[in-house]
Amino acid sequence: MKQTPFHKLTPRAIRVWQLGNAIGNLFFFAIPVVYGAVFGTQGFHFWVIAATSLLFVVLWVLSIVLFPYLTWKNWRYSIDEKEIDLKRGVLMKNRTLIPLSRVQHVDTRQGPLLRFYDLASVTISTAATTHEIPALDAVLADRVRNQISTYARLAEEDV
């Protein structure tokens, strides 16, 4: 097997993922509220609401404190003249090799949180699917996009 990819994401990615998870997972707290509105909060229903609320609080805190760090710790990528190597995953480890001859186009994207932290994601499109290198420094993301584009043109000329 090929050597492990050696580029890591910026540590600021952790903060972006923490904020995204904090905001995005708030809707889970609506479940006990709706349950209480439908069934009331007396007797058994009180304990169901209390247990689900406690469970959602624990999962919400883990999604803010632990999961972004583990995701960042396990994300690696490398780019060379022949392929792009992506390694990611906390519980399920994924390793993707993208031959540069298959790359159709490369984009950089910035949402509001990424823009606030001066980060960008690079998306790599092939005929089959789209791959992403998330949360790179904006300047580095532009360099990576240009590097992939140059390598893809060279790989296309070799074919």
C-alpha atoms as a PDB file:
ATOM      1  CA  MET A   1       0.000   0.000   0.000  1.00  0.00           C
ATOM      2  CA  LYS A   2       1.114   3.519  -0.723  1.00  0.00           C
ATOM      3  CA  GLN A   3       2.596   5.666   2.042  1.00  0.00           C
ATOM      4  CA  THR A   4       0.088   7.593   4.156  1.00  0.00           C
ATOM      5  CA  PRO A   5      -0.824  11.026   2.741  1.00  0.00           C
ATOM      6  CA  PHE A   6       1.135  13.641   4.598  1.00  0.00           C
ATOM      7  CA  HIS A   7      -0.769  16.952   4.368  1.00  0.00           C
ATOM      8  CA  LYS A   8      -3.053  17.789   7.290  1.00  0.00           C
ATOM      9  CA  LEU A   9      -5.903  20.268   7.387  1.00  0.00           C
ATOM     10  CA  THR A  10      -5.488  23.526   9.271  1.00  0.00           C
ATOM     11  CA  PRO A  11      -6.401  23.350  12.982  1.00  0.00           C
ATOM     12  CA  ARG A  12      -8.924  26.163  12.362  1.00  0.00           C
ATOM     13  CA  ALA A  13     -11.070  23.484  10.688  1.00  0.00           C
ATOM     14  CA  ILE A  14     -11.893  22.183  14.167  1.00  0.00           C
ATOM     15  CA  ARG A  15     -13.459  25.529  15.125  1.00  0.00           C
ATOM     16  CA  VAL A  16     -15.512  25.677  11.912  1.00  0.00           C
ATOM     17  CA  TRP A  17     -16.812  22.147  12.437  1.00  0.00           C
ATOM     18  CA  GLN A  18     -17.571  22.895  16.094  1.00  0.00           C
ATOM     19  CA  LEU A  19     -19.704  25.912  15.172  1.00  0.00           C
ATOM     20  CA  GLY A  20     -21.366  24.033  12.319  1.00  0.00           C
ATOM     21  CA  ASN A  21     -22.242  21.112  14.588  1.00  0.00           C
ATOM     22  CA  ALA A  22     -23.405  23.392  17.409  1.00  0.00           C
ATOM     23  CA  ILE A  23     -25.854  25.168  15.109  1.00  0.00           C
ATOM     24  CA  GLY A  24     -26.775  22.219  12.906  1.00  0.00           C
ATOM     25  CA  ASN A  25     -27.575  19.782  15.708  1.00  0.00           C
ATOM     26  CA  LEU A  26     -29.833  22.140  17.659  1.00  0.00           C
ATOM     27  CA  PHE A  27     -32.901  20.800  15.852  1.00  0.00           C
ATOM     28  CA  PHE A  28     -32.606  17.534  17.837  1.00  0.00           C
ATOM     29  CA  PHE A  29     -33.785  19.452  20.889  1.00  0.00           C
ATOM     30  CA  ALA A  30     -37.127  19.962  19.153  1.00  0.00           C
ATOM     31  CA  ILE A  31     -37.888  16.231  19.463  1.00  0.00           C
ATOM     32  CA  PRO A  32     -38.507  16.252  23.253  1.00  0.00           C
ATOM     33  CA  VAL A  33     -40.374  19.569  22.929  1.00  0.00           C
ATOM     34  CA  VAL A  34     -42.733  18.157  20.295  1.00  0.00           C
ATOM     35  CA  TYR A  35     -43.124  14.937  22.281  1.00  0.00           C
ATOM     36  CA  GLY A  36     -44.062  16.967  25.360  1.00  0.00           C
ATOM     37  CA  ALA A  37     -46.534  19.050  23.357  1.00  0.00           C
ATOM     38  CA  VAL A  38     -48.226  15.955  21.952  1.00  0.00           C
ATOM     39  CA  PHE A  39     -48.241  13.634  24.986  1.00  0.00           C
ATOM     40  CA  GLY A  40     -47.904  16.058  27.887  1.00  0.00           C
ATOM     41  CA  THR A  41     -45.301  16.094  30.622  1.00  0.00           C
ATOM     42  CA  GLN A  42     -46.973  13.999  33.322  1.00  0.00           C
ATOM     43  CA  GLY A  43     -45.722  10.680  34.751  1.00  0.00           C
ATOM     44  CA  PHE A  44     -44.054   8.355  32.260  1.00  0.00           C
ATOM     45  CA  HIS A  45     -43.893  11.043  29.559  1.00  0.00           C
ATOM     46  CA  PHE A  46     -41.842  13.274  31.859  1.00  0.00           C
ATOM     47  CA  TRP A  47     -39.178  10.550  32.142  1.00  0.00           C
ATOM     48  CA  VAL A  48     -39.149   9.981  28.377  1.00  0.00           C
ATOM     49  CA  ILE A  49     -38.635  13.714  27.822  1.00  0.00           C
ATOM     50  CA  ALA A  50     -35.939  13.885  30.522  1.00  0.00           C
ATOM     51  CA  ALA A  51     -34.054  10.859  29.169  1.00  0.00           C
ATOM     52  CA  THR A  52     -34.149  11.986  25.536  1.00  0.00           C
ATOM     53  CA  SER A  53     -33.187  15.523  26.508  1.00  0.00           C
ATOM     54  CA  LEU A  54     -30.200  14.250  28.497  1.00  0.00           C
ATOM     55  CA  LEU A  55     -29.176  11.971  25.614  1.00  0.00           C
ATOM     56  CA  PHE A  56     -29.386  14.845  23.120  1.00  0.00           C
ATOM     57  CA  VAL A  57     -27.380  17.154  25.388  1.00  0.00           C
ATOM     58  CA  VAL A  58     -24.607  14.549  25.703  1.00  0.00           C
ATOM     59  CA  LEU A  59     -24.561  13.904  21.933  1.00  0.00           C
ATOM     60  CA  TRP A  60     -24.639  17.646  21.206  1.00  0.00           C
ATOM     61  CA  VAL A  61     -21.668  18.276  23.511  1.00  0.00           C
ATOM     62  CA  LEU A  62     -19.747  15.367  21.943  1.00  0.00           C
ATOM     63  CA  SER A  63     -20.501  16.715  18.462  1.00  0.00           C
ATOM     64  CA  ILE A  64     -18.954  20.021  19.507  1.00  0.00           C
ATOM     65  CA  VAL A  65     -16.029  18.902  21.660  1.00  0.00           C
ATOM     66  CA  LEU A  66     -14.885  15.484  20.430  1.00  0.00           C
ATOM     67  CA  PHE A  67     -16.084  14.714  16.879  1.00  0.00           C
ATOM     68  CA  PRO A  68     -14.533  17.742  15.109  1.00  0.00           C
ATOM     69  CA  TYR A  69     -11.151  17.034  16.707  1.00  0.00           C
ATOM     70  CA  LEU A  70     -11.260  13.347  15.711  1.00  0.00           C
ATOM     71  CA  THR A  71     -12.292  14.269  12.168  1.00  0.00           C
ATOM     72  CA  TRP A  72      -9.431  16.768  11.881  1.00  0.00           C
ATOM     73  CA  LYS A  73      -6.945  14.313  13.376  1.00  0.00           C
ATOM     74  CA  ASN A  74      -7.803  11.642  10.801  1.00  0.00           C
ATOM     75  CA  TRP A  75      -7.994  13.803   7.653  1.00  0.00           C
ATOM     76  CA  ARG A  76      -4.978  13.614   5.311  1.00  0.00           C
ATOM     77  CA  TYR A  77      -4.441  14.338   1.649  1.00  0.00           C
ATOM     78  CA  SER A  78      -1.637  14.282  -0.891  1.00  0.00           C
ATOM     79  CA  ILE A  79      -1.378  15.368  -4.489  1.00  0.00           C
ATOM     80  CA  ASP A  80       1.213  14.223  -6.988  1.00  0.00           C
ATOM     81  CA  GLU A  81       1.553  14.096 -10.756  1.00  0.00           C
ATOM     82  CA  LYS A  82      -0.521  10.909 -11.066  1.00  0.00           C
ATOM     83  CA  GLU A  83      -3.217  10.956  -8.386  1.00  0.00           C
ATOM     84  CA  ILE A  84      -4.907  12.617  -5.459  1.00  0.00           C
ATOM     85  CA  ASP A  85      -4.922  10.563  -2.263  1.00  0.00           C
ATOM     86  CA  LEU A  86      -7.595  11.304   0.374  1.00  0.00           C
ATOM     87  CA  LYS A  87      -7.640   9.586   3.771  1.00  0.00           C
ATOM     88  CA  ARG A  88     -10.398  10.277   6.254  1.00  0.00           C
ATOM     89  CA  GLY A  89     -12.749   8.703   8.761  1.00  0.00           C
ATOM     90  CA  VAL A  90     -13.067   8.231  12.487  1.00  0.00           C
ATOM     91  CA  LEU A  91     -14.850   4.895  12.883  1.00  0.00           C
ATOM     92  CA  MET A  92     -14.908   3.888   9.222  1.00  0.00           C
ATOM     93  CA  LYS A  93     -11.566   4.683   7.585  1.00  0.00           C
ATOM     94  CA  ASN A  94     -11.872   5.716   3.928  1.00  0.00           C
ATOM     95  CA  ARG A  95      -9.016   6.030   1.500  1.00  0.00           C
ATOM     96  CA  THR A  96      -9.713   7.388  -1.975  1.00  0.00           C
ATOM     97  CA  LEU A  97      -7.275   7.537  -4.861  1.00  0.00           C
ATOM     98  CA  ILE A  98      -8.385   9.827  -7.687  1.00  0.00           C
ATOM     99  CA  PRO A  99      -6.391   9.427 -10.908  1.00  0.00           C
ATOM    100  CA  LEU A 100      -5.682  12.877 -12.318  1.00  0.00           C
ATOM    101  CA  SER A 101      -6.611  11.647 -15.792  1.00  0.00           C
ATOM    102  CA  ARG A 102     -10.205  11.304 -14.492  1.00  0.00           C
ATOM    103  CA  VAL A 103     -10.505  14.827 -13.072  1.00  0.00           C
ATOM    104  CA  GLN A 104     -13.011  16.927 -15.024  1.00  0.00           C
ATOM    105  CA  HIS A 105     -12.869  20.164 -13.049  1.00  0.00           C
ATOM    106  CA  VAL A 106     -11.752  21.575  -9.713  1.00  0.00           C
ATOM    107  CA  ASP A 107     -13.508  24.274  -7.657  1.00  0.00           C
ATOM    108  CA  THR A 108     -12.973  26.123  -4.410  1.00  0.00           C
ATOM    109  CA  ARG A 109     -15.936  26.871  -2.153  1.00  0.00           C
ATOM    110  CA  GLN A 110     -16.469  29.109   0.856  1.00  0.00           C
ATOM    111  CA  GLY A 111     -19.550  29.217   3.032  1.00  0.00           C
ATOM    112  CA  PRO A 112     -20.085  31.898   5.681  1.00  0.00           C
ATOM    113  CA  LEU A 113     -18.220  30.008   8.433  1.00  0.00           C
ATOM    114  CA  LEU A 114     -15.291  29.130   6.166  1.00  0.00           C
ATOM    115  CA  ARG A 115     -15.087  32.718   4.939  1.00  0.00           C
ATOM    116  CA  PHE A 116     -15.088  34.033   8.530  1.00  0.00           C
ATOM    117  CA  TYR A 117     -12.071  31.827   9.328  1.00  0.00           C
ATOM    118  CA  ASP A 118     -10.413  32.537   5.939  1.00  0.00           C
ATOM    119  CA  LEU A 119     -10.752  28.913   4.841  1.00  0.00           C
ATOM    120  CA  ALA A 120     -12.011  27.248   1.670  1.00  0.00           C
ATOM    121  CA  SER A 121     -12.827  23.749   0.459  1.00  0.00           C
ATOM    122  CA  VAL A 122     -11.535  22.260  -2.769  1.00  0.00           C
ATOM    123  CA  THR A 123     -13.989  20.093  -4.718  1.00  0.00           C
ATOM    124  CA  ILE A 124     -12.703  17.673  -7.323  1.00  0.00           C
ATOM    125  CA  SER A 125     -15.234  16.462  -9.887  1.00  0.00           C
ATOM    126  CA  THR A 126     -14.881  13.283 -11.894  1.00  0.00           C
ATOM    127  CA  ALA A 127     -17.408  11.649 -14.189  1.00  0.00           C
ATOM    128  CA  ALA A 128     -18.619   9.455 -11.339  1.00  0.00           C
ATOM    129  CA  THR A 129     -18.705  11.722  -8.295  1.00  0.00           C
ATOM    130  CA  THR A 130     -17.356  14.774  -6.488  1.00  0.00           C
ATOM    131  CA  HIS A 131     -14.665  14.632  -3.804  1.00  0.00           C
ATOM    132  CA  GLU A 132     -13.794  17.347  -1.318  1.00  0.00           C
ATOM    133  CA  ILE A 133     -10.759  18.481   0.622  1.00  0.00           C
ATOM    134  CA  PRO A 134     -12.412  20.542   3.370  1.00  0.00           C
ATOM    135  CA  ALA A 135     -11.239  23.566   5.329  1.00  0.00           C
ATOM    136  CA  LEU A 136      -7.913  24.534   3.776  1.00  0.00           C
ATOM    137  CA  ASP A 137      -6.438  28.011   4.177  1.00  0.00           C
ATOM    138  CA  ALA A 138      -7.952  30.119   1.382  1.00  0.00           C
ATOM    139  CA  VAL A 139      -4.566  30.814  -0.218  1.00  0.00           C
ATOM    140  CA  LEU A 140      -3.547  27.157   0.038  1.00  0.00           C
ATOM    141  CA  ALA A 141      -6.904  26.088  -1.427  1.00  0.00           C
ATOM    142  CA  ASP A 142      -6.240  28.254  -4.490  1.00  0.00           C
ATOM    143  CA  ARG A 143      -2.761  26.752  -4.816  1.00  0.00           C
ATOM    144  CA  VAL A 144      -4.122  23.211  -4.464  1.00  0.00           C
ATOM    145  CA  ARG A 145      -6.848  23.917  -7.045  1.00  0.00           C
ATOM    146  CA  ASN A 146      -4.277  25.280  -9.506  1.00  0.00           C
ATOM    147  CA  GLN A 147      -1.887  22.388  -8.840  1.00  0.00           C
ATOM    148  CA  ILE A 148      -4.607  19.791  -9.457  1.00  0.00           C
ATOM    149  CA  SER A 149      -5.697  21.601 -12.607  1.00  0.00           C
ATOM    150  CA  THR A 150      -2.131  21.691 -13.950  1.00  0.00           C
ATOM    151  CA  TYR A 151      -1.513  18.026 -13.137  1.00  0.00           C
ATOM    152  CA  ALA A 152      -4.869  17.047 -14.682  1.00  0.00           C
ATOM    153  CA  ARG A 153      -3.985  18.874 -17.921  1.00  0.00           C
ATOM    154  CA  LEU A 154      -0.619  17.099 -18.040  1.00  0.00           C
ATOM    155  CA  ALA A 155      -2.270  13.725 -17.345  1.00  0.00           C
ATOM    156  CA  GLU A 156      -4.817  14.413 -20.101  1.00  0.00           C
ATOM    157  CA  GLU A 157      -2.016  15.172 -22.584  1.00  0.00           C
ATOM    158  CA  ASP A 158      -0.300  11.867 -21.690  1.00  0.00           C
ATOM    159  CA  VAL A 159      -3.403   9.846 -22.549  1.00  0.00           C
END
